[in-house]
Amino acid sequence: MDMMSMVSSILAAQAGNTQQQIATTFLSANASAEKSAVQTLLGTGTPSLANVAAGIGGNINVTA
């Protein structure tokens, strides 16, 4: 194997490794988004009061 073939194969391997790392990052982010969507649809996970009116979800005085 001549020198240019070796250099070319090393560069191709490095490019393939970079592409694999990027694909893994995107796959992980996609899986996290899907998990969040499923939890929202099922009503599980941490409940959020972000989309309710002021005063909703506060303490109620039941001694009156």
N, C-alpha and C. Protein backbone atom coordinates (compact mmCIF):
# COMPACT_ATOMS: atom_id res chain seq x y z
N MET A 1 0.85 -1.18 0.00
CA MET A 1 0.00 0.00 0.00
C MET A 1 0.89 1.24 0.00
N ASP A 2 0.67 2.12 -0.93
CA ASP A 2 1.50 3.32 -1.00
C ASP A 2 1.04 4.37 0.01
N MET A 3 1.84 5.40 0.18
CA MET A 3 1.61 6.42 1.20
C MET A 3 0.29 7.16 0.99
N MET A 4 -0.05 7.51 -0.24
CA MET A 4 -1.29 8.25 -0.51
C MET A 4 -2.52 7.41 -0.18
N SER A 5 -2.45 6.13 -0.43
CA SER A 5 -3.58 5.25 -0.09
C SER A 5 -3.78 5.19 1.42
N MET A 6 -2.68 5.13 2.15
CA MET A 6 -2.78 5.08 3.61
C MET A 6 -3.35 6.38 4.16
N VAL A 7 -2.88 7.51 3.66
CA VAL A 7 -3.38 8.80 4.11
C VAL A 7 -4.85 8.95 3.77
N SER A 8 -5.20 8.55 2.56
CA SER A 8 -6.59 8.64 2.14
C SER A 8 -7.50 7.77 3.00
N SER A 9 -7.06 6.57 3.34
CA SER A 9 -7.89 5.69 4.16
C SER A 9 -8.02 6.23 5.59
N ILE A 10 -6.96 6.83 6.11
CA ILE A 10 -7.04 7.42 7.46
C ILE A 10 -8.01 8.60 7.47
N LEU A 11 -7.93 9.45 6.46
CA LEU A 11 -8.86 10.59 6.39
C LEU A 11 -10.30 10.13 6.23
N ALA A 12 -10.51 9.09 5.45
CA ALA A 12 -11.87 8.56 5.28
C ALA A 12 -12.39 7.99 6.60
N ALA A 13 -11.53 7.32 7.34
CA ALA A 13 -11.95 6.77 8.63
C ALA A 13 -12.30 7.88 9.62
N GLN A 14 -11.51 8.96 9.61
CA GLN A 14 -11.81 10.08 10.50
C GLN A 14 -13.12 10.75 10.13
N ALA A 15 -13.38 10.91 8.84
CA ALA A 15 -14.64 11.52 8.40
C ALA A 15 -15.82 10.63 8.79
N GLY A 16 -15.65 9.33 8.64
CA GLY A 16 -16.72 8.40 9.04
C GLY A 16 -16.99 8.45 10.52
N ASN A 17 -15.94 8.60 11.32
CA ASN A 17 -16.10 8.70 12.77
C ASN A 17 -16.85 9.97 13.14
N THR A 18 -16.53 11.06 12.50
CA THR A 18 -17.22 12.33 12.75
C THR A 18 -18.69 12.23 12.39
N GLN A 19 -18.98 11.61 11.26
CA GLN A 19 -20.38 11.44 10.85
C GLN A 19 -21.13 10.57 11.85
N GLN A 20 -20.47 9.54 12.37
CA GLN A 20 -21.11 8.66 13.36
C GLN A 20 -21.41 9.41 14.65
N GLN A 21 -20.48 10.27 15.08
CA GLN A 21 -20.71 11.05 16.30
C GLN A 21 -21.88 12.02 16.13
N ILE A 22 -21.97 12.65 14.97
CA ILE A 22 -23.08 13.57 14.71
C ILE A 22 -24.40 12.82 14.67
N ALA A 23 -24.41 11.67 14.02
CA ALA A 23 -25.64 10.88 13.94
C ALA A 23 -26.09 10.43 15.33
N THR A 24 -25.14 10.04 16.16
CA THR A 24 -25.48 9.62 17.53
C THR A 24 -26.07 10.77 18.33
N THR A 25 -25.52 11.97 18.15
CA THR A 25 -26.05 13.14 18.85
C THR A 25 -27.47 13.44 18.42
N PHE A 26 -27.73 13.41 17.11
CA PHE A 26 -29.08 13.66 16.62
C PHE A 26 -30.06 12.58 17.08
N LEU A 27 -29.63 11.34 17.08
CA LEU A 27 -30.50 10.25 17.52
C LEU A 27 -30.86 10.40 18.99
N SER A 28 -29.89 10.79 19.80
CA SER A 28 -30.14 10.99 21.22
C SER A 28 -31.11 12.14 21.45
N ALA A 29 -30.93 13.23 20.73
CA ALA A 29 -31.83 14.38 20.88
C ALA A 29 -33.24 14.02 20.42
N ASN A 30 -33.34 13.26 19.34
CA ASN A 30 -34.65 12.85 18.83
C ASN A 30 -35.35 11.93 19.83
N ALA A 31 -34.61 11.01 20.42
CA ALA A 31 -35.20 10.10 21.40
C ALA A 31 -35.69 10.87 22.62
N SER A 32 -34.93 11.88 23.04
CA SER A 32 -35.34 12.69 24.18
C SER A 32 -36.62 13.47 23.88
N ALA A 33 -36.71 14.01 22.67
CA ALA A 33 -37.92 14.74 22.28
C ALA A 33 -39.13 13.82 22.21
N GLU A 34 -38.93 12.62 21.68
CA GLU A 34 -40.04 11.66 21.60
C GLU A 34 -40.50 11.26 23.00
N LYS A 35 -39.56 11.06 23.91
CA LYS A 35 -39.92 10.70 25.28
C LYS A 35 -40.76 11.81 25.92
N SER A 36 -40.34 13.05 25.70
CA SER A 36 -41.07 14.19 26.25
C SER A 36 -42.48 14.27 25.67
N ALA A 37 -42.60 14.03 24.38
CA ALA A 37 -43.92 14.08 23.74
C ALA A 37 -44.83 13.00 24.27
N VAL A 38 -44.31 11.80 24.45
CA VAL A 38 -45.13 10.70 24.97
C VAL A 38 -45.55 10.98 26.41
N GLN A 39 -44.64 11.50 27.21
CA GLN A 39 -44.99 11.82 28.59
C GLN A 39 -46.06 12.90 28.65
N THR A 40 -45.99 13.85 27.74
CA THR A 40 -47.02 14.90 27.70
C THR A 40 -48.37 14.31 27.33
N LEU A 41 -48.38 13.45 26.33
CA LEU A 41 -49.64 12.84 25.89
C LEU A 41 -50.24 11.93 26.96
N LEU A 42 -49.39 11.23 27.69
CA LEU A 42 -49.88 10.32 28.72
C LEU A 42 -50.18 11.03 30.04
N GLY A 43 -49.71 12.25 30.17
CA GLY A 43 -49.94 12.99 31.41
C GLY A 43 -49.03 12.55 32.53
N THR A 44 -47.91 11.94 32.19
CA THR A 44 -46.96 11.51 33.22
C THR A 44 -45.82 12.51 33.29
N GLY A 45 -44.93 12.29 34.20
CA GLY A 45 -43.79 13.19 34.34
C GLY A 45 -44.14 14.34 35.26
N THR A 46 -43.38 15.38 35.18
CA THR A 46 -43.58 16.55 36.03
C THR A 46 -44.70 17.41 35.46
N PRO A 47 -45.76 17.64 36.24
CA PRO A 47 -46.84 18.49 35.72
C PRO A 47 -46.38 19.93 35.59
N SER A 48 -46.89 20.60 34.59
CA SER A 48 -46.49 21.99 34.34
C SER A 48 -47.71 22.89 34.48
N LEU A 49 -47.52 24.01 35.13
CA LEU A 49 -48.57 25.02 35.27
C LEU A 49 -48.27 26.23 34.40
N ALA A 50 -47.51 26.02 33.33
CA ALA A 50 -47.08 27.13 32.49
C ALA A 50 -48.22 27.75 31.69
N ASN A 51 -49.23 26.97 31.36
CA ASN A 51 -50.29 27.45 30.47
C ASN A 51 -51.61 27.69 31.18
N VAL A 52 -51.58 27.96 32.48
CA VAL A 52 -52.82 28.20 33.21
C VAL A 52 -52.85 29.64 33.71
N ALA A 53 -54.02 30.09 34.09
CA ALA A 53 -54.19 31.47 34.55
C ALA A 53 -53.52 31.68 35.90
N ALA A 54 -53.32 32.94 36.25
CA ALA A 54 -52.71 33.28 37.53
C ALA A 54 -53.60 32.80 38.67
N GLY A 55 -53.01 32.25 39.70
CA GLY A 55 -53.74 31.79 40.87
C GLY A 55 -54.13 30.32 40.81
N ILE A 56 -54.03 29.70 39.66
CA ILE A 56 -54.36 28.28 39.54
C ILE A 56 -53.19 27.46 40.07
N GLY A 57 -53.49 26.46 40.86
CA GLY A 57 -52.45 25.60 41.37
C GLY A 57 -51.84 26.07 42.68
N GLY A 58 -52.35 27.14 43.23
CA GLY A 58 -51.83 27.64 44.49
C GLY A 58 -52.45 26.90 45.68
N ASN A 59 -52.10 27.32 46.87
CA ASN A 59 -52.66 26.72 48.06
C ASN A 59 -54.09 27.18 48.29
N ILE A 60 -54.93 26.30 48.79
CA ILE A 60 -56.32 26.62 49.05
C ILE A 60 -56.54 26.61 50.57
N ASN A 61 -57.20 27.62 51.09
CA ASN A 61 -57.52 27.68 52.50
C ASN A 61 -58.83 26.94 52.72
N VAL A 62 -58.74 25.74 53.28
CA VAL A 62 -59.92 24.90 53.47
C VAL A 62 -60.45 24.98 54.89
N THR A 63 -59.91 25.87 55.72
CA THR A 63 -60.38 25.98 57.10
C THR A 63 -61.53 26.97 57.25
N ALA A 64 -61.88 27.69 56.24
CA ALA A 64 -62.93 28.71 56.33
C ALA A 64 -64.31 28.08 56.41
